[in-house]
Amino acid sequence: MKPLLVALALLGPTAAFAQTPLTAEEFDAQVTGHTITYSQFGGLFGIEEYLPNRQVRWSVAENLCQYGSWYAEGPAICFVYEYDPTPHCWTFWLEGGTLRALSVNDLPDAELTEVDRTDTPLSCPGPDVGA
């Protein structure tokens, strides 16, 4: 048992577990009014626009958006979207002034990282737009 404890101590805490999660109020203050681009594993994960009253617009492809909302569940921030009522829950924290997140279903080292923040809304044309 002692060698196992020593090995675990040498590994140290991972970044995700070493950080203090943002509360719902702190998260709201960080994101509302902003459009944030996230990366994962060095590639684009998606873009989320954070609207008032915990409403969001999410996009993984240009001009294609899903509307949803977020709520707090314990230390996690959970998102539900119009076409997928299954909650997607994440723990968010700040690292050097940048948002980081880890899905409650992911292992450490699968974190999302904020790579861009703007006040410009997402381009979300309505359905069936055309001539």
N, C-alpha and C. Protein backbone atom coordinates (compact mmCIF):
# COMPACT_ATOMS: atom_id res chain seq x y z
N MET A 1 0.82 -1.18 0.00
CA MET A 1 0.00 0.00 0.00
C MET A 1 0.87 1.26 0.00
N LYS A 2 1.94 1.25 0.80
CA LYS A 2 2.80 2.42 0.88
C LYS A 2 3.44 2.76 -0.47
N PRO A 3 3.94 1.80 -1.28
CA PRO A 3 4.49 2.16 -2.59
C PRO A 3 3.45 2.83 -3.49
N LEU A 4 2.19 2.39 -3.39
CA LEU A 4 1.13 3.01 -4.19
C LEU A 4 0.92 4.46 -3.79
N LEU A 5 0.91 4.74 -2.51
CA LEU A 5 0.74 6.11 -2.03
C LEU A 5 1.90 6.99 -2.47
N VAL A 6 3.10 6.46 -2.42
CA VAL A 6 4.27 7.22 -2.85
C VAL A 6 4.17 7.52 -4.35
N ALA A 7 3.78 6.52 -5.13
CA ALA A 7 3.65 6.72 -6.58
C ALA A 7 2.60 7.79 -6.87
N LEU A 8 1.47 7.74 -6.20
CA LEU A 8 0.42 8.75 -6.41
C LEU A 8 0.90 10.14 -6.01
N ALA A 9 1.65 10.23 -4.93
CA ALA A 9 2.18 11.52 -4.49
C ALA A 9 3.15 12.10 -5.50
N LEU A 10 3.94 11.23 -6.13
CA LEU A 10 4.90 11.70 -7.13
C LEU A 10 4.21 12.21 -8.39
N LEU A 11 3.06 11.62 -8.72
CA LEU A 11 2.33 12.08 -9.90
C LEU A 11 1.81 13.49 -9.71
N GLY A 12 1.40 13.80 -8.50
CA GLY A 12 0.89 15.13 -8.22
C GLY A 12 -0.49 15.31 -8.81
N PRO A 13 -1.17 16.40 -8.45
CA PRO A 13 -2.51 16.63 -8.97
C PRO A 13 -2.46 17.06 -10.42
N THR A 14 -3.44 16.65 -11.19
CA THR A 14 -3.53 17.14 -12.56
C THR A 14 -4.06 18.55 -12.53
N ALA A 15 -3.91 19.27 -13.63
CA ALA A 15 -4.34 20.67 -13.69
C ALA A 15 -5.82 20.81 -13.36
N ALA A 16 -6.64 19.92 -13.89
CA ALA A 16 -8.09 20.04 -13.67
C ALA A 16 -8.46 19.88 -12.21
N PHE A 17 -7.79 18.96 -11.50
CA PHE A 17 -8.14 18.73 -10.12
C PHE A 17 -7.47 19.70 -9.18
N ALA A 18 -6.47 20.42 -9.62
CA ALA A 18 -5.75 21.36 -8.78
C ALA A 18 -6.42 22.73 -8.75
N GLN A 19 -7.35 22.97 -9.64
CA GLN A 19 -7.98 24.29 -9.75
C GLN A 19 -9.30 24.33 -8.98
N THR A 20 -9.66 25.52 -8.52
CA THR A 20 -10.93 25.72 -7.86
C THR A 20 -11.99 26.02 -8.91
N PRO A 21 -13.06 25.22 -8.97
CA PRO A 21 -14.10 25.47 -9.97
C PRO A 21 -14.76 26.83 -9.75
N LEU A 22 -15.15 27.46 -10.86
CA LEU A 22 -15.90 28.70 -10.78
C LEU A 22 -17.31 28.40 -10.29
N THR A 23 -17.83 29.26 -9.44
CA THR A 23 -19.24 29.15 -9.04
C THR A 23 -20.10 29.61 -10.21
N ALA A 24 -21.39 29.36 -10.14
CA ALA A 24 -22.30 29.81 -11.19
C ALA A 24 -22.23 31.32 -11.35
N GLU A 25 -22.15 32.03 -10.24
CA GLU A 25 -22.09 33.50 -10.29
C GLU A 25 -20.78 33.97 -10.94
N GLU A 26 -19.67 33.32 -10.59
CA GLU A 26 -18.38 33.68 -11.18
C GLU A 26 -18.35 33.36 -12.67
N PHE A 27 -18.90 32.20 -13.04
CA PHE A 27 -18.96 31.80 -14.44
C PHE A 27 -19.81 32.81 -15.22
N ASP A 28 -20.97 33.16 -14.70
CA ASP A 28 -21.87 34.13 -15.34
C ASP A 28 -21.15 35.45 -15.57
N ALA A 29 -20.43 35.93 -14.56
CA ALA A 29 -19.70 37.20 -14.67
C ALA A 29 -18.59 37.11 -15.72
N GLN A 30 -17.98 35.94 -15.87
CA GLN A 30 -16.89 35.76 -16.84
C GLN A 30 -17.39 35.71 -18.28
N VAL A 31 -18.58 35.15 -18.51
CA VAL A 31 -18.97 34.83 -19.88
C VAL A 31 -20.09 35.68 -20.47
N THR A 32 -21.01 36.17 -19.68
CA THR A 32 -22.18 36.86 -20.24
C THR A 32 -21.76 38.06 -21.08
N GLY A 33 -22.31 38.10 -22.29
CA GLY A 33 -21.99 39.18 -23.23
C GLY A 33 -20.80 38.87 -24.12
N HIS A 34 -20.21 37.70 -23.98
CA HIS A 34 -19.04 37.33 -24.76
C HIS A 34 -19.32 36.11 -25.64
N THR A 35 -18.55 36.02 -26.70
CA THR A 35 -18.54 34.84 -27.57
C THR A 35 -17.14 34.24 -27.42
N ILE A 36 -17.09 32.99 -26.96
CA ILE A 36 -15.82 32.37 -26.63
C ILE A 36 -15.58 31.14 -27.51
N THR A 37 -14.39 31.08 -28.08
CA THR A 37 -13.97 29.95 -28.89
C THR A 37 -13.12 29.03 -28.02
N TYR A 38 -13.42 27.73 -28.08
CA TYR A 38 -12.72 26.73 -27.28
C TYR A 38 -11.98 25.76 -28.20
N SER A 39 -10.80 25.33 -27.73
CA SER A 39 -10.06 24.28 -28.43
C SER A 39 -9.92 23.08 -27.50
N GLN A 40 -9.70 21.93 -28.11
CA GLN A 40 -9.42 20.72 -27.37
C GLN A 40 -8.44 19.89 -28.20
N PHE A 41 -7.41 19.38 -27.57
CA PHE A 41 -6.38 18.59 -28.25
C PHE A 41 -5.77 19.35 -29.43
N GLY A 42 -5.68 20.69 -29.32
CA GLY A 42 -5.05 21.50 -30.35
C GLY A 42 -5.94 21.86 -31.52
N GLY A 43 -7.19 21.43 -31.53
CA GLY A 43 -8.11 21.75 -32.62
C GLY A 43 -9.35 22.46 -32.11
N LEU A 44 -10.11 23.05 -33.02
CA LEU A 44 -11.33 23.76 -32.67
C LEU A 44 -12.35 22.80 -32.07
N PHE A 45 -12.89 23.16 -30.92
CA PHE A 45 -13.95 22.37 -30.30
C PHE A 45 -15.31 22.98 -30.60
N GLY A 46 -15.39 24.32 -30.55
CA GLY A 46 -16.64 25.01 -30.82
C GLY A 46 -16.61 26.43 -30.30
N ILE A 47 -17.70 27.15 -30.61
CA ILE A 47 -17.83 28.55 -30.22
C ILE A 47 -19.16 28.71 -29.51
N GLU A 48 -19.13 29.38 -28.38
CA GLU A 48 -20.37 29.60 -27.62
C GLU A 48 -20.53 31.08 -27.34
N GLU A 49 -21.73 31.56 -27.64
CA GLU A 49 -22.11 32.94 -27.31
C GLU A 49 -22.97 32.88 -26.06
N TYR A 50 -22.57 33.64 -25.05
CA TYR A 50 -23.26 33.64 -23.77
C TYR A 50 -24.16 34.86 -23.68
N LEU A 51 -25.44 34.62 -23.67
CA LEU A 51 -26.46 35.66 -23.68
C LEU A 51 -26.96 35.91 -22.25
N PRO A 52 -27.72 36.99 -22.05
CA PRO A 52 -28.29 37.23 -20.71
C PRO A 52 -29.21 36.09 -20.27
N ASN A 53 -29.45 36.01 -19.00
CA ASN A 53 -30.36 35.04 -18.39
C ASN A 53 -29.96 33.59 -18.66
N ARG A 54 -28.65 33.36 -18.72
CA ARG A 54 -28.09 32.02 -18.87
C ARG A 54 -28.51 31.32 -20.16
N GLN A 55 -28.75 32.11 -21.19
CA GLN A 55 -29.06 31.57 -22.51
C GLN A 55 -27.76 31.52 -23.32
N VAL A 56 -27.67 30.57 -24.26
CA VAL A 56 -26.46 30.40 -25.07
C VAL A 56 -26.82 30.09 -26.52
N ARG A 57 -25.84 30.36 -27.38
CA ARG A 57 -25.85 29.90 -28.77
C ARG A 57 -24.53 29.17 -28.97
N TRP A 58 -24.58 27.96 -29.51
CA TRP A 58 -23.42 27.11 -29.67
C TRP A 58 -23.24 26.79 -31.15
N SER A 59 -22.01 26.81 -31.62
CA SER A 59 -21.74 26.50 -33.01
C SER A 59 -20.45 25.69 -33.14
N VAL A 60 -20.52 24.67 -33.98
CA VAL A 60 -19.32 23.92 -34.33
C VAL A 60 -19.04 24.05 -35.83
N ALA A 61 -19.96 24.70 -36.55
CA ALA A 61 -19.80 24.92 -37.99
C ALA A 61 -20.33 26.31 -38.32
N GLU A 62 -19.71 26.98 -39.26
CA GLU A 62 -20.09 28.34 -39.62
C GLU A 62 -21.56 28.42 -39.99
N ASN A 63 -22.25 29.41 -39.44
CA ASN A 63 -23.66 29.69 -39.70
C ASN A 63 -24.62 28.58 -39.28
N LEU A 64 -24.18 27.69 -38.41
CA LEU A 64 -25.03 26.62 -37.91
C LEU A 64 -25.01 26.68 -36.39
N CYS A 65 -26.12 27.08 -35.80
CA CYS A 65 -26.15 27.30 -34.35
C CYS A 65 -27.23 26.48 -33.67
N GLN A 66 -26.96 26.15 -32.43
CA GLN A 66 -27.95 25.53 -31.56
C GLN A 66 -28.19 26.49 -30.40
N TYR A 67 -29.43 26.63 -30.02
CA TYR A 67 -29.80 27.50 -28.92
C TYR A 67 -30.02 26.65 -27.68
N GLY A 68 -29.64 27.21 -26.54
CA GLY A 68 -29.79 26.46 -25.30
C GLY A 68 -29.69 27.35 -24.08
N SER A 69 -29.46 26.70 -22.96
CA SER A 69 -29.31 27.42 -21.70
C SER A 69 -28.37 26.63 -20.81
N TRP A 70 -27.93 27.29 -19.74
CA TRP A 70 -27.06 26.61 -18.79
C TRP A 70 -27.59 26.80 -17.38
N TYR A 71 -27.18 25.90 -16.50
CA TYR A 71 -27.55 25.96 -15.09
C TYR A 71 -26.45 25.29 -14.26
N ALA A 72 -26.43 25.60 -12.99
CA ALA A 72 -25.44 25.02 -12.10
C ALA A 72 -26.00 23.73 -11.50
N GLU A 73 -25.11 22.74 -11.38
CA GLU A 73 -25.45 21.51 -10.69
C GLU A 73 -24.23 21.12 -9.86
N GLY A 74 -24.28 21.46 -8.58
CA GLY A 74 -23.10 21.28 -7.74
C GLY A 74 -21.99 22.18 -8.26
N PRO A 75 -20.76 21.67 -8.39
CA PRO A 75 -19.67 22.49 -8.91
C PRO A 75 -19.65 22.57 -10.44
N ALA A 76 -20.57 21.87 -11.10
CA ALA A 76 -20.58 21.83 -12.57
C ALA A 76 -21.53 22.87 -13.16
N ILE A 77 -21.22 23.26 -14.39
CA ILE A 77 -22.11 24.09 -15.21
C ILE A 77 -22.64 23.17 -16.30
N CYS A 78 -23.96 23.03 -16.37
CA CYS A 78 -24.59 22.11 -17.31
C CYS A 78 -25.32 22.87 -18.41
N PHE A 79 -25.20 22.36 -19.62
CA PHE A 79 -25.81 22.97 -20.79
C PHE A 79 -26.84 22.01 -21.38
N VAL A 80 -27.97 22.54 -21.81
CA VAL A 80 -28.96 21.79 -22.57
C VAL A 80 -29.28 22.61 -23.82
N TYR A 81 -29.49 21.92 -24.93
CA TYR A 81 -29.72 22.58 -26.22
C TYR A 81 -31.04 22.12 -26.81
N GLU A 82 -31.57 22.94 -27.72
CA GLU A 82 -32.89 22.71 -28.28
C GLU A 82 -33.04 21.34 -28.94
N TYR A 83 -32.00 20.81 -29.56
CA TYR A 83 -32.11 19.53 -30.25
C TYR A 83 -31.53 18.37 -29.45
N ASP A 84 -31.07 18.65 -28.26
CA ASP A 84 -30.50 17.60 -27.42
C ASP A 84 -30.76 17.95 -25.96
N PRO A 85 -31.82 17.40 -25.38
CA PRO A 85 -32.15 17.75 -23.99
C PRO A 85 -31.24 17.09 -22.95
N THR A 86 -30.30 16.26 -23.38
CA THR A 86 -29.37 15.62 -22.45
C THR A 86 -28.40 16.67 -21.91
N PRO A 87 -28.31 16.84 -20.60
CA PRO A 87 -27.37 17.83 -20.06
C PRO A 87 -25.91 17.46 -20.37
N HIS A 88 -25.13 18.46 -20.71
CA HIS A 88 -23.69 18.33 -20.91
C HIS A 88 -23.05 19.17 -19.81
N CYS A 89 -22.43 18.52 -18.84
CA CYS A 89 -21.95 19.22 -17.65
C CYS A 89 -20.42 19.31 -17.65
N TRP A 90 -19.93 20.48 -17.24
CA TRP A 90 -18.51 20.81 -17.26
C TRP A 90 -18.14 21.50 -15.96
N THR A 91 -16.90 21.31 -15.55
CA THR A 91 -16.32 22.10 -14.47
C THR A 91 -15.44 23.15 -15.14
N PHE A 92 -15.67 24.42 -14.83
CA PHE A 92 -14.89 25.53 -15.39
C PHE A 92 -14.00 26.12 -14.33
N TRP A 93 -12.82 26.59 -14.73
CA TRP A 93 -11.91 27.31 -13.85
C TRP A 93 -11.10 28.27 -14.69
N LEU A 94 -10.45 29.22 -14.02
CA LEU A 94 -9.57 30.17 -14.68
C LEU A 94 -8.13 29.73 -14.48
N GLU A 95 -7.37 29.80 -15.54
CA GLU A 95 -5.95 29.50 -15.47
C GLU A 95 -5.22 30.62 -16.22
N GLY A 96 -4.54 31.48 -15.48
CA GLY A 96 -3.86 32.61 -16.10
C GLY A 96 -4.83 33.56 -16.80
N GLY A 97 -6.04 33.69 -16.28
CA GLY A 97 -7.03 34.59 -16.88
C GLY A 97 -7.80 33.97 -18.04
N THR A 98 -7.50 32.72 -18.37
CA THR A 98 -8.15 32.03 -19.48
C THR A 98 -9.07 30.95 -18.94
N LEU A 99 -10.27 30.83 -19.52
CA LEU A 99 -11.18 29.78 -19.10
C LEU A 99 -10.68 28.41 -19.54
N ARG A 100 -10.82 27.47 -18.66
CA ARG A 100 -10.55 26.06 -18.95
C ARG A 100 -11.77 25.28 -18.48
N ALA A 101 -12.03 24.15 -19.09
CA ALA A 101 -13.19 23.34 -18.71
C ALA A 101 -12.88 21.87 -18.90
N LEU A 102 -13.51 21.05 -18.09
CA LEU A 102 -13.39 19.61 -18.22
C LEU A 102 -14.78 19.02 -18.06
N SER A 103 -15.20 18.22 -19.02
CA SER A 103 -16.49 17.54 -18.94
C SER A 103 -16.46 16.60 -17.74
N VAL A 104 -17.60 16.49 -17.08
CA VAL A 104 -17.68 15.57 -15.94
C VAL A 104 -17.52 14.13 -16.40
N ASN A 105 -17.61 13.88 -17.71
CA ASN A 105 -17.46 12.53 -18.25
C ASN A 105 -16.06 12.25 -18.80
N ASP A 106 -15.19 13.27 -18.85
CA ASP A 106 -13.86 13.11 -19.42
C ASP A 106 -12.80 12.88 -18.36
N LEU A 107 -11.70 12.35 -18.82
CA LEU A 107 -10.53 12.18 -17.96
C LEU A 107 -9.68 13.44 -18.01
N PRO A 108 -8.85 13.69 -16.99
CA PRO A 108 -7.92 14.82 -17.06
C PRO A 108 -7.12 14.76 -18.36
N ASP A 109 -6.67 15.88 -18.80
CA ASP A 109 -5.94 16.07 -20.05
C ASP A 109 -6.86 16.13 -21.26
N ALA A 110 -8.18 16.16 -21.06
CA ALA A 110 -9.14 16.34 -22.15
C ALA A 110 -9.82 17.70 -22.00
N GLU A 111 -9.13 18.65 -21.35
CA GLU A 111 -9.71 19.95 -21.06
C GLU A 111 -9.94 20.78 -22.32
N LEU A 112 -10.95 21.63 -22.23
CA LEU A 112 -11.15 22.68 -23.23
C LEU A 112 -10.37 23.89 -22.78
N THR A 113 -9.87 24.67 -23.74
CA THR A 113 -9.15 25.89 -23.44
C THR A 113 -9.74 27.02 -24.26
N GLU A 114 -9.99 28.15 -23.60
CA GLU A 114 -10.43 29.35 -24.30
C GLU A 114 -9.28 29.85 -25.18
N VAL A 115 -9.55 30.02 -26.47
CA VAL A 115 -8.52 30.51 -27.38
C VAL A 115 -8.87 31.86 -27.99
N ASP A 116 -10.13 32.28 -27.85
CA ASP A 116 -10.53 33.60 -28.35
C ASP A 116 -11.77 34.04 -27.60
N ARG A 117 -11.85 35.35 -27.38
CA ARG A 117 -13.00 35.95 -26.69
C ARG A 117 -13.32 37.24 -27.41
N THR A 118 -14.59 37.41 -27.77
CA THR A 118 -15.01 38.62 -28.46
C THR A 118 -16.39 39.03 -27.96
N ASP A 119 -16.77 40.26 -28.26
CA ASP A 119 -18.12 40.73 -27.95
C ASP A 119 -19.02 40.62 -29.19
N THR A 120 -18.49 40.10 -30.29
CA THR A 120 -19.24 39.97 -31.54
C THR A 120 -20.14 38.75 -31.46
N PRO A 121 -21.44 38.91 -31.73
CA PRO A 121 -22.35 37.75 -31.71
C PRO A 121 -22.01 36.74 -32.80
N LEU A 122 -22.42 35.50 -32.57
CA LEU A 122 -22.29 34.47 -33.60
C LEU A 122 -23.19 34.82 -34.78
N SER A 123 -22.79 34.41 -35.97
CA SER A 123 -23.62 34.55 -37.15
C SER A 123 -24.54 33.34 -37.18
N CYS A 124 -25.81 33.57 -36.86
CA CYS A 124 -26.78 32.48 -36.78
C CYS A 124 -28.00 32.81 -37.62
N PRO A 125 -27.93 32.60 -38.93
CA PRO A 125 -29.13 32.87 -39.75
C PRO A 125 -30.24 31.91 -39.37
N GLY A 126 -31.46 32.38 -39.54
CA GLY A 126 -32.61 31.56 -39.21
C GLY A 126 -32.76 30.38 -40.15
N PRO A 127 -33.64 29.45 -39.78
CA PRO A 127 -33.86 28.30 -40.64
C PRO A 127 -34.58 28.70 -41.93
N ASP A 128 -34.33 27.95 -42.96
CA ASP A 128 -34.99 28.13 -44.26
C ASP A 128 -34.79 29.51 -44.85
N VAL A 129 -33.59 30.08 -44.63
CA VAL A 129 -33.28 31.39 -45.21
C VAL A 129 -32.89 31.16 -46.67
N GLY A 130 -33.45 31.94 -47.53
CA GLY A 130 -33.12 31.80 -48.96
C GLY A 130 -34.15 32.51 -49.81
N ALA A 131 -33.98 32.38 -51.12
CA ALA A 131 -34.88 33.08 -52.04
C ALA A 131 -36.11 32.28 -52.28
